Amino acid sequence: MAVKTASRPVNRPSTGQVGALTLPRLDDVIENIVAGVLALALIGYLVYALLRPDRF
């Protein structure tokens, strides 16, 4: 007896090619860039606070 499993739909390119790479959406790329810049700024701030605790 075969067991059916629920599966999520797979995002496929509209050309019908199976296994073709798709580019990420521009919104996702911009979001990742902003998150990276904020993370680097936070790390820089924390390192500065460790090096110059008298300023805080």
PDB file of N, CA and C in Angstrom:
ATOM      1  N   MET A   1       0.846  -1.178   0.000  1.00  0.00           N
ATOM      2  CA  MET A   1       0.000   0.000   0.000  1.00  0.00           C
ATOM      3  C   MET A   1       0.891   1.241   0.000  1.00  0.00           C
ATOM      4  N   ALA A   2       0.673   2.113  -0.938  1.00  0.00           N
ATOM      5  CA  ALA A   2       1.482   3.327  -1.066  1.00  0.00           C
ATOM      6  C   ALA A   2       0.950   4.404  -0.132  1.00  0.00           C
ATOM      7  N   VAL A   3       1.873   5.143   0.444  1.00  0.00           N
ATOM      8  CA  VAL A   3       1.505   6.232   1.347  1.00  0.00           C
ATOM      9  C   VAL A   3       1.717   7.547   0.622  1.00  0.00           C
ATOM     10  N   LYS A   4       0.705   8.383   0.618  1.00  0.00           N
ATOM     11  CA  LYS A   4       0.821   9.697  -0.012  1.00  0.00           C
ATOM     12  C   LYS A   4       1.364  10.684   1.009  1.00  0.00           C
ATOM     13  N   THR A   5       2.294  11.491   0.566  1.00  0.00           N
ATOM     14  CA  THR A   5       2.821  12.541   1.433  1.00  0.00           C
ATOM     15  C   THR A   5       2.461  13.890   0.840  1.00  0.00           C
ATOM     16  N   ALA A   6       2.192  14.829   1.713  1.00  0.00           N
ATOM     17  CA  ALA A   6       1.879  16.181   1.254  1.00  0.00           C
ATOM     18  C   ALA A   6       3.173  16.859   0.839  1.00  0.00           C
ATOM     19  N   SER A   7       3.160  17.479  -0.302  1.00  0.00           N
ATOM     20  CA  SER A   7       4.354  18.179  -0.757  1.00  0.00           C
ATOM     21  C   SER A   7       3.994  19.612  -1.108  1.00  0.00           C
ATOM     22  N   ARG A   8       4.968  20.478  -0.908  1.00  0.00           N
ATOM     23  CA  ARG A   8       4.774  21.880  -1.256  1.00  0.00           C
ATOM     24  C   ARG A   8       5.051  22.070  -2.742  1.00  0.00           C
ATOM     25  N   PRO A   9       4.386  23.034  -3.352  1.00  0.00           N
ATOM     26  CA  PRO A   9       4.657  23.279  -4.773  1.00  0.00           C
ATOM     27  C   PRO A   9       6.082  23.792  -4.968  1.00  0.00           C
ATOM     28  N   VAL A  10       6.684  23.408  -6.054  1.00  0.00           N
ATOM     29  CA  VAL A  10       8.051  23.800  -6.365  1.00  0.00           C
ATOM     30  C   VAL A  10       8.004  24.969  -7.331  1.00  0.00           C
ATOM     31  N   ASN A  11       8.816  25.992  -7.053  1.00  0.00           N
ATOM     32  CA  ASN A  11       8.896  27.130  -7.974  1.00  0.00           C
ATOM     33  C   ASN A  11       9.680  26.714  -9.209  1.00  0.00           C
ATOM     34  N   ARG A  12       9.043  26.720 -10.329  1.00  0.00           N
ATOM     35  CA  ARG A  12       9.689  26.332 -11.581  1.00  0.00           C
ATOM     36  C   ARG A  12       9.682  27.527 -12.527  1.00  0.00           C
ATOM     37  N   PRO A  13      10.677  27.641 -13.347  1.00  0.00           N
ATOM     38  CA  PRO A  13      10.685  28.733 -14.325  1.00  0.00           C
ATOM     39  C   PRO A  13       9.551  28.573 -15.325  1.00  0.00           C
ATOM     40  N   SER A  14       9.099  29.690 -15.859  1.00  0.00           N
ATOM     41  CA  SER A  14       7.956  29.660 -16.769  1.00  0.00           C
ATOM     42  C   SER A  14       8.306  29.054 -18.125  1.00  0.00           C
ATOM     43  N   THR A  15       9.599  28.862 -18.399  1.00  0.00           N
ATOM     44  CA  THR A  15       9.986  28.306 -19.694  1.00  0.00           C
ATOM     45  C   THR A  15       9.757  26.805 -19.765  1.00  0.00           C
ATOM     46  N   GLY A  16       9.478  26.192 -18.635  1.00  0.00           N
ATOM     47  CA  GLY A  16       9.248  24.761 -18.627  1.00  0.00           C
ATOM     48  C   GLY A  16      10.502  23.941 -18.457  1.00  0.00           C
ATOM     49  N   GLN A  17      11.645  24.576 -18.305  1.00  0.00           N
ATOM     50  CA  GLN A  17      12.890  23.841 -18.110  1.00  0.00           C
ATOM     51  C   GLN A  17      12.973  23.366 -16.664  1.00  0.00           C
ATOM     52  N   VAL A  18      13.250  22.107 -16.509  1.00  0.00           N
ATOM     53  CA  VAL A  18      13.385  21.548 -15.172  1.00  0.00           C
ATOM     54  C   VAL A  18      14.833  21.700 -14.739  1.00  0.00           C
ATOM     55  N   GLY A  19      15.038  22.219 -13.539  1.00  0.00           N
ATOM     56  CA  GLY A  19      16.385  22.357 -13.011  1.00  0.00           C
ATOM     57  C   GLY A  19      17.089  23.632 -13.426  1.00  0.00           C
ATOM     58  N   ALA A  20      16.412  24.515 -14.143  1.00  0.00           N
ATOM     59  CA  ALA A  20      17.041  25.776 -14.550  1.00  0.00           C
ATOM     60  C   ALA A  20      17.156  26.697 -13.342  1.00  0.00           C
ATOM     61  N   LEU A  21      18.240  27.457 -13.288  1.00  0.00           N
ATOM     62  CA  LEU A  21      18.439  28.385 -12.183  1.00  0.00           C
ATOM     63  C   LEU A  21      17.584  29.626 -12.391  1.00  0.00           C
ATOM     64  N   THR A  22      17.010  30.121 -11.302  1.00  0.00           N
ATOM     65  CA  THR A  22      16.252  31.360 -11.368  1.00  0.00           C
ATOM     66  C   THR A  22      16.970  32.404 -10.532  1.00  0.00           C
ATOM     67  N   LEU A  23      16.921  33.644 -10.969  1.00  0.00           N
ATOM     68  CA  LEU A  23      17.554  34.730 -10.240  1.00  0.00           C
ATOM     69  C   LEU A  23      16.672  35.146  -9.071  1.00  0.00           C
ATOM     70  N   PRO A  24      17.291  35.533  -7.947  1.00  0.00           N
ATOM     71  CA  PRO A  24      16.479  36.014  -6.828  1.00  0.00           C
ATOM     72  C   PRO A  24      15.830  37.348  -7.177  1.00  0.00           C
ATOM     73  N   ARG A  25      14.709  37.618  -6.546  1.00  0.00           N
ATOM     74  CA  ARG A  25      14.023  38.872  -6.795  1.00  0.00           C
ATOM     75  C   ARG A  25      14.855  40.030  -6.282  1.00  0.00           C
ATOM     76  N   LEU A  26      14.728  41.182  -6.913  1.00  0.00           N
ATOM     77  CA  LEU A  26      15.508  42.364  -6.536  1.00  0.00           C
ATOM     78  C   LEU A  26      15.208  42.790  -5.102  1.00  0.00           C
ATOM     79  N   ASP A  27      13.953  42.641  -4.667  1.00  0.00           N
ATOM     80  CA  ASP A  27      13.594  42.998  -3.290  1.00  0.00           C
ATOM     81  C   ASP A  27      14.397  42.177  -2.288  1.00  0.00           C
ATOM     82  N   ASP A  28      14.559  40.894  -2.565  1.00  0.00           N
ATOM     83  CA  ASP A  28      15.308  40.026  -1.659  1.00  0.00           C
ATOM     84  C   ASP A  28      16.779  40.414  -1.624  1.00  0.00           C
ATOM     85  N   VAL A  29      17.335  40.775  -2.757  1.00  0.00           N
ATOM     86  CA  VAL A  29      18.746  41.158  -2.825  1.00  0.00           C
ATOM     87  C   VAL A  29      18.973  42.449  -2.046  1.00  0.00           C
ATOM     88  N   ILE A  30      18.106  43.432  -2.245  1.00  0.00           N
ATOM     89  CA  ILE A  30      18.239  44.710  -1.537  1.00  0.00           C
ATOM     90  C   ILE A  30      18.085  44.496  -0.037  1.00  0.00           C
ATOM     91  N   GLU A  31      17.153  43.654   0.357  1.00  0.00           N
ATOM     92  CA  GLU A  31      16.947  43.370   1.778  1.00  0.00           C
ATOM     93  C   GLU A  31      18.195  42.743   2.392  1.00  0.00           C
ATOM     94  N   ASN A  32      18.831  41.839   1.680  1.00  0.00           N
ATOM     95  CA  ASN A  32      20.053  41.210   2.188  1.00  0.00           C
ATOM     96  C   ASN A  32      21.204  42.207   2.267  1.00  0.00           C
ATOM     97  N   ILE A  33      21.301  43.110   1.312  1.00  0.00           N
ATOM     98  CA  ILE A  33      22.361  44.129   1.344  1.00  0.00           C
ATOM     99  C   ILE A  33      22.162  45.060   2.538  1.00  0.00           C
ATOM    100  N   VAL A  34      20.932  45.507   2.757  1.00  0.00           N
ATOM    101  CA  VAL A  34      20.644  46.387   3.895  1.00  0.00           C
ATOM    102  C   VAL A  34      20.937  45.673   5.206  1.00  0.00           C
ATOM    103  N   ALA A  35      20.547  44.420   5.315  1.00  0.00           N
ATOM    104  CA  ALA A  35      20.819  43.657   6.538  1.00  0.00           C
ATOM    105  C   ALA A  35      22.316  43.503   6.764  1.00  0.00           C
ATOM    106  N   GLY A  36      23.080  43.276   5.708  1.00  0.00           N
ATOM    107  CA  GLY A  36      24.528  43.150   5.840  1.00  0.00           C
ATOM    108  C   GLY A  36      25.183  44.442   6.290  1.00  0.00           C
ATOM    109  N   VAL A  37      24.736  45.566   5.723  1.00  0.00           N
ATOM    110  CA  VAL A  37      25.291  46.869   6.110  1.00  0.00           C
ATOM    111  C   VAL A  37      24.973  47.166   7.570  1.00  0.00           C
ATOM    112  N   LEU A  38      23.743  46.899   7.990  1.00  0.00           N
ATOM    113  CA  LEU A  38      23.373  47.131   9.389  1.00  0.00           C
ATOM    114  C   LEU A  38      24.145  46.223  10.337  1.00  0.00           C
ATOM    115  N   ALA A  39      24.362  44.985   9.943  1.00  0.00           N
ATOM    116  CA  ALA A  39      25.127  44.062  10.782  1.00  0.00           C
ATOM    117  C   ALA A  39      26.566  44.532  10.933  1.00  0.00           C
ATOM    118  N   LEU A  40      27.182  44.977   9.839  1.00  0.00           N
ATOM    119  CA  LEU A  40      28.555  45.490   9.918  1.00  0.00           C
ATOM    120  C   LEU A  40      28.631  46.753  10.769  1.00  0.00           C
ATOM    121  N   ALA A  41      27.639  47.624  10.660  1.00  0.00           N
ATOM    122  CA  ALA A  41      27.618  48.838  11.477  1.00  0.00           C
ATOM    123  C   ALA A  41      27.491  48.490  12.958  1.00  0.00           C
ATOM    124  N   LEU A  42      26.658  47.524  13.277  1.00  0.00           N
ATOM    125  CA  LEU A  42      26.496  47.107  14.674  1.00  0.00           C
ATOM    126  C   LEU A  42      27.776  46.490  15.216  1.00  0.00           C
ATOM    127  N   ILE A  43      28.419  45.664  14.433  1.00  0.00           N
ATOM    128  CA  ILE A  43      29.687  45.055  14.862  1.00  0.00           C
ATOM    129  C   ILE A  43      30.741  46.139  15.068  1.00  0.00           C
ATOM    130  N   GLY A  44      30.813  47.102  14.158  1.00  0.00           N
ATOM    131  CA  GLY A  44      31.757  48.207  14.316  1.00  0.00           C
ATOM    132  C   GLY A  44      31.482  49.014  15.565  1.00  0.00           C
ATOM    133  N   TYR A  45      30.222  49.280  15.846  1.00  0.00           N
ATOM    134  CA  TYR A  45      29.840  50.024  17.051  1.00  0.00           C
ATOM    135  C   TYR A  45      30.242  49.263  18.308  1.00  0.00           C
ATOM    136  N   LEU A  46      30.001  47.965  18.331  1.00  0.00           N
ATOM    137  CA  LEU A  46      30.342  47.163  19.509  1.00  0.00           C
ATOM    138  C   LEU A  46      31.848  47.070  19.707  1.00  0.00           C
ATOM    139  N   VAL A  47      32.603  46.934  18.636  1.00  0.00           N
ATOM    140  CA  VAL A  47      34.064  46.898  18.750  1.00  0.00           C
ATOM    141  C   VAL A  47      34.576  48.244  19.254  1.00  0.00           C
ATOM    142  N   TYR A  48      34.028  49.332  18.749  1.00  0.00           N
ATOM    143  CA  TYR A  48      34.427  50.662  19.216  1.00  0.00           C
ATOM    144  C   TYR A  48      34.109  50.826  20.704  1.00  0.00           C
ATOM    145  N   ALA A  49      32.953  50.327  21.127  1.00  0.00           N
ATOM    146  CA  ALA A  49      32.574  50.414  22.541  1.00  0.00           C
ATOM    147  C   ALA A  49      33.517  49.590  23.411  1.00  0.00           C
ATOM    148  N   LEU A  50      34.013  48.486  22.897  1.00  0.00           N
ATOM    149  CA  LEU A  50      34.976  47.687  23.661  1.00  0.00           C
ATOM    150  C   LEU A  50      36.331  48.388  23.749  1.00  0.00           C
ATOM    151  N   LEU A  51      36.729  49.049  22.669  1.00  0.00           N
ATOM    152  CA  LEU A  51      38.034  49.705  22.650  1.00  0.00           C
ATOM    153  C   LEU A  51      38.033  51.033  23.401  1.00  0.00           C
ATOM    154  N   ARG A  52      36.917  51.744  23.407  1.00  0.00           N
ATOM    155  CA  ARG A  52      36.826  53.051  24.055  1.00  0.00           C
ATOM    156  C   ARG A  52      35.653  53.080  25.034  1.00  0.00           C
ATOM    157  N   PRO A  53      35.698  52.317  26.129  1.00  0.00           N
ATOM    158  CA  PRO A  53      34.550  52.272  27.049  1.00  0.00           C
ATOM    159  C   PRO A  53      34.312  53.595  27.774  1.00  0.00           C
ATOM    160  N   ASP A  54      35.328  54.464  27.847  1.00  0.00           N
ATOM    161  CA  ASP A  54      35.152  55.740  28.533  1.00  0.00           C
ATOM    162  C   ASP A  54      34.180  56.664  27.790  1.00  0.00           C
ATOM    163  N   ARG A  55      33.934  56.410  26.533  1.00  0.00           N
ATOM    164  CA  ARG A  55      33.014  57.241  25.748  1.00  0.00           C
ATOM    165  C   ARG A  55      31.553  56.837  25.941  1.00  0.00           C
ATOM    166  N   PHE A  56      31.325  55.719  26.597  1.00  0.00           N
ATOM    167  CA  PHE A  56      29.949  55.228  26.715  1.00  0.00           C
ATOM    168  C   PHE A  56      29.464  55.309  28.123  1.00  0.00           C
TER     169      PHE A  56
END
